[in-house]
């Protein structure tokens, strides 16, 4: 839908099924704003500006630096893998299109896909622990999985990532990227649309990158 004043990279889509909410999310490198099909065109730009601003603010809050990631990895290692080797470096990378994380035991380095940055903390922690465990055990046998059993949100994080994989493989939109064993987090900015004045906020689920990824 062509709406004058909408910033570059933002696509406005109408939905006949959507009647009372406007929602913004990321999809394949662009920002999508879903609006009710009957919304007057004059109202759309205001909602677009507000919700895109909220989306960007949320992403700024969620972004984590390499230093934060290194500190978190050390904390997780001490808590769940006591006595295990600490990583020499942990950093975000943008070139892992089909992996959530990877590690090189030789130099004790760990890399996490930057696509994880918008996911819940417990999912990022799980991927970090997975890679930390690989500093001790190379494969995915019983010894490896035994190292992860102390993480209380293990099944939940794996299910989250499995749900992302399922959604992507089946061509569903409005979800984040994917992984091997086991979907979005903090709800996307949304606003209720009443019949008259301006609405109140009512969030929804998160959106996303494209092709399925594998963890390691």
C-alpha atoms as a PDB file:
ATOM      1  CA  UNK A   1       0.000   0.000   0.000  1.00  0.00           C
ATOM      2  CA  UNK A   2       1.448   3.356  -1.019  1.00  0.00           C
ATOM      3  CA  UNK A   3       1.164   5.919   1.789  1.00  0.00           C
ATOM      4  CA  UNK A   4       2.800   9.359   1.344  1.00  0.00           C
ATOM      5  CA  UNK A   5       5.431  10.114   3.986  1.00  0.00           C
ATOM      6  CA  UNK A   6       6.225   6.505   4.909  1.00  0.00           C
ATOM      7  CA  UNK A   7      10.008   6.137   5.389  1.00  0.00           C
ATOM      8  CA  UNK A   8      12.085   4.059   2.927  1.00  0.00           C
ATOM      9  CA  UNK A   9      12.268   0.388   3.875  1.00  0.00           C
ATOM     10  CA  UNK A  10       8.810   0.422   5.478  1.00  0.00           C
ATOM     11  CA  UNK A  11       5.976  -1.470   3.807  1.00  0.00           C
ATOM     12  CA  UNK A  12       2.354  -0.876   4.797  1.00  0.00           C
ATOM     13  CA  UNK A  13       0.074  -3.881   4.333  1.00  0.00           C
ATOM     14  CA  UNK A  14      -3.675  -4.015   4.804  1.00  0.00           C
ATOM     15  CA  UNK A  15      -5.528  -6.948   6.300  1.00  0.00           C
ATOM     16  CA  UNK A  16      -9.251  -7.602   5.965  1.00  0.00           C
ATOM     17  CA  UNK A  17      -9.125  -9.801   9.074  1.00  0.00           C
ATOM     18  CA  UNK A  18      -7.394  -7.131  11.176  1.00  0.00           C
ATOM     19  CA  UNK A  19      -9.948  -4.725  12.637  1.00  0.00           C
ATOM     20  CA  UNK A  20      -8.695  -3.279  15.898  1.00  0.00           C
ATOM     21  CA  UNK A  21      -4.880  -3.368  15.903  1.00  0.00           C
ATOM     22  CA  UNK A  22      -1.925  -1.993  13.980  1.00  0.00           C
ATOM     23  CA  UNK A  23       1.337  -3.960  14.301  1.00  0.00           C
ATOM     24  CA  UNK A  24       4.931  -3.394  13.159  1.00  0.00           C
ATOM     25  CA  UNK A  25       7.620  -6.062  12.739  1.00  0.00           C
ATOM     26  CA  UNK A  26      10.767  -6.896  10.775  1.00  0.00           C
ATOM     27  CA  UNK A  27      10.596  -9.224   7.782  1.00  0.00           C
ATOM     28  CA  UNK A  28      13.374 -10.071   5.325  1.00  0.00           C
ATOM     29  CA  UNK A  29      15.284  -6.851   5.805  1.00  0.00           C
ATOM     30  CA  UNK A  30      12.307  -4.510   5.778  1.00  0.00           C
ATOM     31  CA  UNK A  31       9.793  -3.179   8.298  1.00  0.00           C
ATOM     32  CA  UNK A  32       6.201  -4.283   7.807  1.00  0.00           C
ATOM     33  CA  UNK A  33       3.281  -2.388   9.321  1.00  0.00           C
ATOM     34  CA  UNK A  34      -0.058  -4.236   9.252  1.00  0.00           C
ATOM     35  CA  UNK A  35      -3.160  -2.054   9.349  1.00  0.00           C
ATOM     36  CA  UNK A  36      -6.882  -2.808   9.142  1.00  0.00           C
ATOM     37  CA  UNK A  37      -8.134  -2.669   5.553  1.00  0.00           C
ATOM     38  CA  UNK A  38     -10.790  -0.121   6.497  1.00  0.00           C
ATOM     39  CA  UNK A  39      -8.455   2.287   8.269  1.00  0.00           C
ATOM     40  CA  UNK A  40      -8.667   5.781   6.724  1.00  0.00           C
ATOM     41  CA  UNK A  41      -5.491   6.514   4.788  1.00  0.00           C
ATOM     42  CA  UNK A  42      -5.078   9.811   6.637  1.00  0.00           C
ATOM     43  CA  UNK A  43      -4.574   7.947   9.935  1.00  0.00           C
ATOM     44  CA  UNK A  44      -2.000   5.433   8.724  1.00  0.00           C
ATOM     45  CA  UNK A  45       1.139   7.589   8.683  1.00  0.00           C
ATOM     46  CA  UNK A  46       0.782   8.519  12.359  1.00  0.00           C
ATOM     47  CA  UNK A  47       0.585   4.879  13.383  1.00  0.00           C
ATOM     48  CA  UNK A  48       3.510   3.963  11.137  1.00  0.00           C
ATOM     49  CA  UNK A  49       5.749   6.628  12.652  1.00  0.00           C
ATOM     50  CA  UNK A  50       4.837   5.705  16.220  1.00  0.00           C
ATOM     51  CA  UNK A  51       5.171   1.927  15.873  1.00  0.00           C
ATOM     52  CA  UNK A  52       8.358   2.023  13.803  1.00  0.00           C
ATOM     53  CA  UNK A  53       9.835   4.303  16.470  1.00  0.00           C
ATOM     54  CA  UNK A  54       8.858   1.844  19.192  1.00  0.00           C
ATOM     55  CA  UNK A  55      10.319  -1.045  17.231  1.00  0.00           C
ATOM     56  CA  UNK A  56      13.639   0.746  16.790  1.00  0.00           C
ATOM     57  CA  UNK A  57      13.742   1.741  20.469  1.00  0.00           C
ATOM     58  CA  UNK A  58      13.116  -1.854  21.518  1.00  0.00           C
ATOM     59  CA  UNK A  59      15.904  -3.081  19.260  1.00  0.00           C
ATOM     60  CA  UNK A  60      18.324  -0.532  20.711  1.00  0.00           C
ATOM     61  CA  UNK A  61      17.486  -1.745  24.206  1.00  0.00           C
ATOM     62  CA  UNK A  62      17.920  -5.346  23.160  1.00  0.00           C
ATOM     63  CA  UNK A  63      21.274  -4.935  21.427  1.00  0.00           C
ATOM     64  CA  UNK A  64      24.155  -6.415  23.339  1.00  0.00           C
ATOM     65  CA  UNK A  65      27.839  -5.699  22.799  1.00  0.00           C
ATOM     66  CA  UNK A  66      30.601  -8.281  22.404  1.00  0.00           C
ATOM     67  CA  UNK A  67      31.841  -7.332  25.872  1.00  0.00           C
ATOM     68  CA  UNK A  68      28.389  -8.021  27.351  1.00  0.00           C
ATOM     69  CA  UNK A  69      28.359 -11.372  25.569  1.00  0.00           C
ATOM     70  CA  UNK A  70      31.804 -12.304  26.879  1.00  0.00           C
ATOM     71  CA  UNK A  71      30.774 -11.434  30.434  1.00  0.00           C
ATOM     72  CA  UNK A  72      27.577 -13.436  30.112  1.00  0.00           C
ATOM     73  CA  UNK A  73      29.446 -16.462  28.767  1.00  0.00           C
ATOM     74  CA  UNK A  74      31.836 -16.366  31.736  1.00  0.00           C
ATOM     75  CA  UNK A  75      28.904 -16.153  34.151  1.00  0.00           C
ATOM     76  CA  UNK A  76      27.076 -19.055  32.518  1.00  0.00           C
ATOM     77  CA  UNK A  77      30.232 -21.164  32.480  1.00  0.00           C
ATOM     78  CA  UNK A  78      30.821 -20.613  36.196  1.00  0.00           C
ATOM     79  CA  UNK A  79      27.187 -21.359  37.035  1.00  0.00           C
ATOM     80  CA  UNK A  80      26.451 -24.373  34.840  1.00  0.00           C
ATOM     81  CA  UNK A  81      29.856 -25.702  33.749  1.00  0.00           C
ATOM     82  CA  UNK A  82      32.038 -25.194  36.843  1.00  0.00           C
ATOM     83  CA  UNK A  83      35.661 -26.012  36.215  1.00  0.00           C
ATOM     84  CA  UNK A  84      35.192 -25.903  32.453  1.00  0.00           C
ATOM     85  CA  UNK A  85      37.392 -23.796  30.163  1.00  0.00           C
ATOM     86  CA  UNK A  86      36.443 -20.153  29.741  1.00  0.00           C
ATOM     87  CA  UNK A  87      36.251 -18.771  26.198  1.00  0.00           C
ATOM     88  CA  UNK A  88      39.099 -16.552  25.055  1.00  0.00           C
ATOM     89  CA  UNK A  89      36.670 -14.509  22.950  1.00  0.00           C
ATOM     90  CA  UNK A  90      32.915 -14.308  22.384  1.00  0.00           C
ATOM     91  CA  UNK A  91      31.448 -12.063  19.716  1.00  0.00           C
ATOM     92  CA  UNK A  92      28.454 -11.374  17.517  1.00  0.00           C
ATOM     93  CA  UNK A  93      28.874 -12.059  13.790  1.00  0.00           C
ATOM     94  CA  UNK A  94      26.712 -11.204  10.795  1.00  0.00           C
ATOM     95  CA  UNK A  95      27.873 -13.968   8.437  1.00  0.00           C
ATOM     96  CA  UNK A  96      26.204 -17.010  10.041  1.00  0.00           C
ATOM     97  CA  UNK A  97      23.159 -17.423   7.838  1.00  0.00           C
ATOM     98  CA  UNK A  98      22.540 -21.064   8.695  1.00  0.00           C
ATOM     99  CA  UNK A  99      23.897 -21.262  12.228  1.00  0.00           C
ATOM    100  CA  UNK A 100      22.976 -19.756  15.548  1.00  0.00           C
ATOM    101  CA  UNK A 101      26.436 -20.227  16.977  1.00  0.00           C
ATOM    102  CA  UNK A 102      29.825 -21.798  16.409  1.00  0.00           C
ATOM    103  CA  UNK A 103      33.054 -22.304  18.326  1.00  0.00           C
ATOM    104  CA  UNK A 104      36.693 -23.112  17.670  1.00  0.00           C
ATOM    105  CA  UNK A 105      38.073 -25.191  20.573  1.00  0.00           C
ATOM    106  CA  UNK A 106      41.630 -24.665  19.334  1.00  0.00           C
ATOM    107  CA  UNK A 107      41.594 -20.971  20.252  1.00  0.00           C
ATOM    108  CA  UNK A 108      38.555 -21.117  22.594  1.00  0.00           C
ATOM    109  CA  UNK A 109      36.623 -18.618  20.478  1.00  0.00           C
ATOM    110  CA  UNK A 110      32.818 -18.503  20.253  1.00  0.00           C
ATOM    111  CA  UNK A 111      30.687 -16.701  17.692  1.00  0.00           C
ATOM    112  CA  UNK A 112      26.931 -16.079  17.868  1.00  0.00           C
ATOM    113  CA  UNK A 113      24.738 -15.034  14.968  1.00  0.00           C
ATOM    114  CA  UNK A 114      23.590 -11.430  15.329  1.00  0.00           C
ATOM    115  CA  UNK A 115      20.098 -12.671  14.420  1.00  0.00           C
ATOM    116  CA  UNK A 116      19.839 -13.954  17.984  1.00  0.00           C
ATOM    117  CA  UNK A 117      19.995 -10.443  19.410  1.00  0.00           C
ATOM    118  CA  UNK A 118      16.234  -9.955  19.270  1.00  0.00           C
ATOM    119  CA  UNK A 119      15.478 -13.303  20.896  1.00  0.00           C
ATOM    120  CA  UNK A 120      14.704 -13.875  24.584  1.00  0.00           C
ATOM    121  CA  UNK A 121      17.622 -13.942  27.011  1.00  0.00           C
ATOM    122  CA  UNK A 122      17.118 -17.614  27.905  1.00  0.00           C
ATOM    123  CA  UNK A 123      17.444 -18.596  24.231  1.00  0.00           C
ATOM    124  CA  UNK A 124      20.705 -16.661  23.835  1.00  0.00           C
ATOM    125  CA  UNK A 125      21.954 -18.211  27.076  1.00  0.00           C
ATOM    126  CA  UNK A 126      21.155 -21.668  25.746  1.00  0.00           C
ATOM    127  CA  UNK A 127      23.124 -21.101  22.542  1.00  0.00           C
ATOM    128  CA  UNK A 128      26.030 -19.709  24.577  1.00  0.00           C
ATOM    129  CA  UNK A 129      25.979 -22.759  26.859  1.00  0.00           C
ATOM    130  CA  UNK A 130      25.818 -25.044  23.845  1.00  0.00           C
ATOM    131  CA  UNK A 131      28.986 -23.502  22.456  1.00  0.00           C
ATOM    132  CA  UNK A 132      30.675 -23.427  25.871  1.00  0.00           C
ATOM    133  CA  UNK A 133      29.995 -27.152  26.185  1.00  0.00           C
ATOM    134  CA  UNK A 134      31.703 -27.662  22.821  1.00  0.00           C
ATOM    135  CA  UNK A 135      34.896 -26.268  24.334  1.00  0.00           C
ATOM    136  CA  UNK A 136      34.894 -29.490  26.373  1.00  0.00           C
ATOM    137  CA  UNK A 137      33.200 -32.003  24.081  1.00  0.00           C
ATOM    138  CA  UNK A 138      33.338 -31.771  20.293  1.00  0.00           C
ATOM    139  CA  UNK A 139      30.368 -33.929  19.293  1.00  0.00           C
ATOM    140  CA  UNK A 140      26.725 -34.187  20.355  1.00  0.00           C
ATOM    141  CA  UNK A 141      26.903 -37.492  22.222  1.00  0.00           C
ATOM    142  CA  UNK A 142      25.738 -38.341  25.760  1.00  0.00           C
ATOM    143  CA  UNK A 143      28.742 -36.615  27.369  1.00  0.00           C
ATOM    144  CA  UNK A 144      27.933 -33.385  25.560  1.00  0.00           C
ATOM    145  CA  UNK A 145      24.222 -33.393  26.438  1.00  0.00           C
ATOM    146  CA  UNK A 146      25.019 -34.243  30.054  1.00  0.00           C
ATOM    147  CA  UNK A 147      26.841 -30.908  30.328  1.00  0.00           C
ATOM    148  CA  UNK A 148      23.638 -29.015  29.477  1.00  0.00           C
ATOM    149  CA  UNK A 149      21.228 -30.773  31.827  1.00  0.00           C
ATOM    150  CA  UNK A 150      21.751 -28.242  34.635  1.00  0.00           C
ATOM    151  CA  UNK A 151      20.303 -25.385  32.579  1.00  0.00           C
ATOM    152  CA  UNK A 152      16.713 -24.966  33.861  1.00  0.00           C
ATOM    153  CA  UNK A 153      15.296 -23.556  30.601  1.00  0.00           C
ATOM    154  CA  UNK A 154      16.949 -26.099  28.306  1.00  0.00           C
ATOM    155  CA  UNK A 155      13.738 -27.648  26.925  1.00  0.00           C
ATOM    156  CA  UNK A 156      12.025 -24.272  26.652  1.00  0.00           C
ATOM    157  CA  UNK A 157      14.876 -22.741  24.635  1.00  0.00           C
ATOM    158  CA  UNK A 158      15.134 -25.772  22.363  1.00  0.00           C
ATOM    159  CA  UNK A 159      11.384 -25.680  21.756  1.00  0.00           C
ATOM    160  CA  UNK A 160      11.580 -21.978  20.957  1.00  0.00           C
ATOM    161  CA  UNK A 161      14.209 -22.527  18.279  1.00  0.00           C
ATOM    162  CA  UNK A 162      12.422 -25.603  16.931  1.00  0.00           C
ATOM    163  CA  UNK A 163       9.292 -23.493  16.547  1.00  0.00           C
ATOM    164  CA  UNK A 164      11.204 -20.921  14.548  1.00  0.00           C
ATOM    165  CA  UNK A 165      12.533 -23.648  12.252  1.00  0.00           C
ATOM    166  CA  UNK A 166       9.071 -25.046  11.745  1.00  0.00           C
ATOM    167  CA  UNK A 167       7.616 -21.640  10.896  1.00  0.00           C
ATOM    168  CA  UNK A 168      10.346 -20.821   8.390  1.00  0.00           C
ATOM    169  CA  UNK A 169      10.323 -24.225   6.710  1.00  0.00           C
ATOM    170  CA  UNK A 170       6.577 -23.921   6.205  1.00  0.00           C
ATOM    171  CA  UNK A 171       6.789 -20.423   4.792  1.00  0.00           C
ATOM    172  CA  UNK A 172       5.115 -18.688   7.718  1.00  0.00           C
ATOM    173  CA  UNK A 173       5.871 -15.003   8.231  1.00  0.00           C
ATOM    174  CA  UNK A 174       6.184 -12.822  11.277  1.00  0.00           C
ATOM    175  CA  UNK A 175       8.767 -15.015  13.007  1.00  0.00           C
ATOM    176  CA  UNK A 176      12.467 -14.875  13.733  1.00  0.00           C
ATOM    177  CA  UNK A 177      15.177 -17.091  12.188  1.00  0.00           C
ATOM    178  CA  UNK A 178      15.875 -20.798  13.032  1.00  0.00           C
ATOM    179  CA  UNK A 179      18.132 -23.635  14.417  1.00  0.00           C
ATOM    180  CA  UNK A 180      18.748 -27.349  14.954  1.00  0.00           C
ATOM    181  CA  UNK A 181      17.094 -28.658  18.029  1.00  0.00           C
ATOM    182  CA  UNK A 182      14.884 -26.503  19.306  1.00  0.00           C
ATOM    183  CA  UNK A 183      10.291 -18.179  18.240  1.00  0.00           C
ATOM    184  CA  UNK A 184       9.942 -14.678  18.872  1.00  0.00           C
ATOM    185  CA  UNK A 185      10.174 -12.835  22.107  1.00  0.00           C
ATOM    186  CA  UNK A 186       9.202  -9.494  23.428  1.00  0.00           C
ATOM    187  CA  UNK A 187       5.947  -8.651  21.634  1.00  0.00           C
ATOM    188  CA  UNK A 188       6.011  -6.383  18.645  1.00  0.00           C
ATOM    189  CA  UNK A 189       4.757  -2.837  18.934  1.00  0.00           C
ATOM    190  CA  UNK A 190       1.005  -2.845  18.326  1.00  0.00           C
ATOM    191  CA  UNK A 191      -1.817  -0.419  18.889  1.00  0.00           C
ATOM    192  CA  UNK A 192      -5.497  -1.034  19.301  1.00  0.00           C
ATOM    193  CA  UNK A 193      -7.627   0.901  16.850  1.00  0.00           C
ATOM    194  CA  UNK A 194     -10.900   2.127  18.382  1.00  0.00           C
ATOM    195  CA  UNK A 195     -13.707   3.515  16.313  1.00  0.00           C
ATOM    196  CA  UNK A 196     -12.869   7.080  17.092  1.00  0.00           C
ATOM    197  CA  UNK A 197      -9.846   8.661  18.803  1.00  0.00           C
ATOM    198  CA  UNK A 198      -6.362   7.307  19.136  1.00  0.00           C
ATOM    199  CA  UNK A 199      -5.871   3.844  20.676  1.00  0.00           C
ATOM    200  CA  UNK A 200      -4.031   2.116  23.460  1.00  0.00           C
ATOM    201  CA  UNK A 201      -1.155  -0.308  23.087  1.00  0.00           C
ATOM    202  CA  UNK A 202      -1.730  -4.047  22.780  1.00  0.00           C
ATOM    203  CA  UNK A 203       1.405  -6.040  21.869  1.00  0.00           C
ATOM    204  CA  UNK A 204       1.736  -9.228  19.864  1.00  0.00           C
ATOM    205  CA  UNK A 205       4.423 -11.824  18.945  1.00  0.00           C
ATOM    206  CA  UNK A 206       7.773 -11.138  17.256  1.00  0.00           C
ATOM    207  CA  UNK A 207       8.934 -11.133  13.628  1.00  0.00           C
ATOM    208  CA  UNK A 208      12.014 -11.921  11.553  1.00  0.00           C
ATOM    209  CA  UNK A 209      14.892 -13.116   9.289  1.00  0.00           C
ATOM    210  CA  UNK A 210      14.367 -15.720   6.586  1.00  0.00           C
ATOM    211  CA  UNK A 211      15.986 -19.016   5.740  1.00  0.00           C
ATOM    212  CA  UNK A 212      16.265 -21.756   8.378  1.00  0.00           C
ATOM    213  CA  UNK A 213      19.491 -21.934  10.312  1.00  0.00           C
ATOM    214  CA  UNK A 214      21.366 -24.666  11.985  1.00  0.00           C
ATOM    215  CA  UNK A 215      23.129 -24.181  15.211  1.00  0.00           C
ATOM    216  CA  UNK A 216      26.604 -25.470  14.985  1.00  0.00           C
END
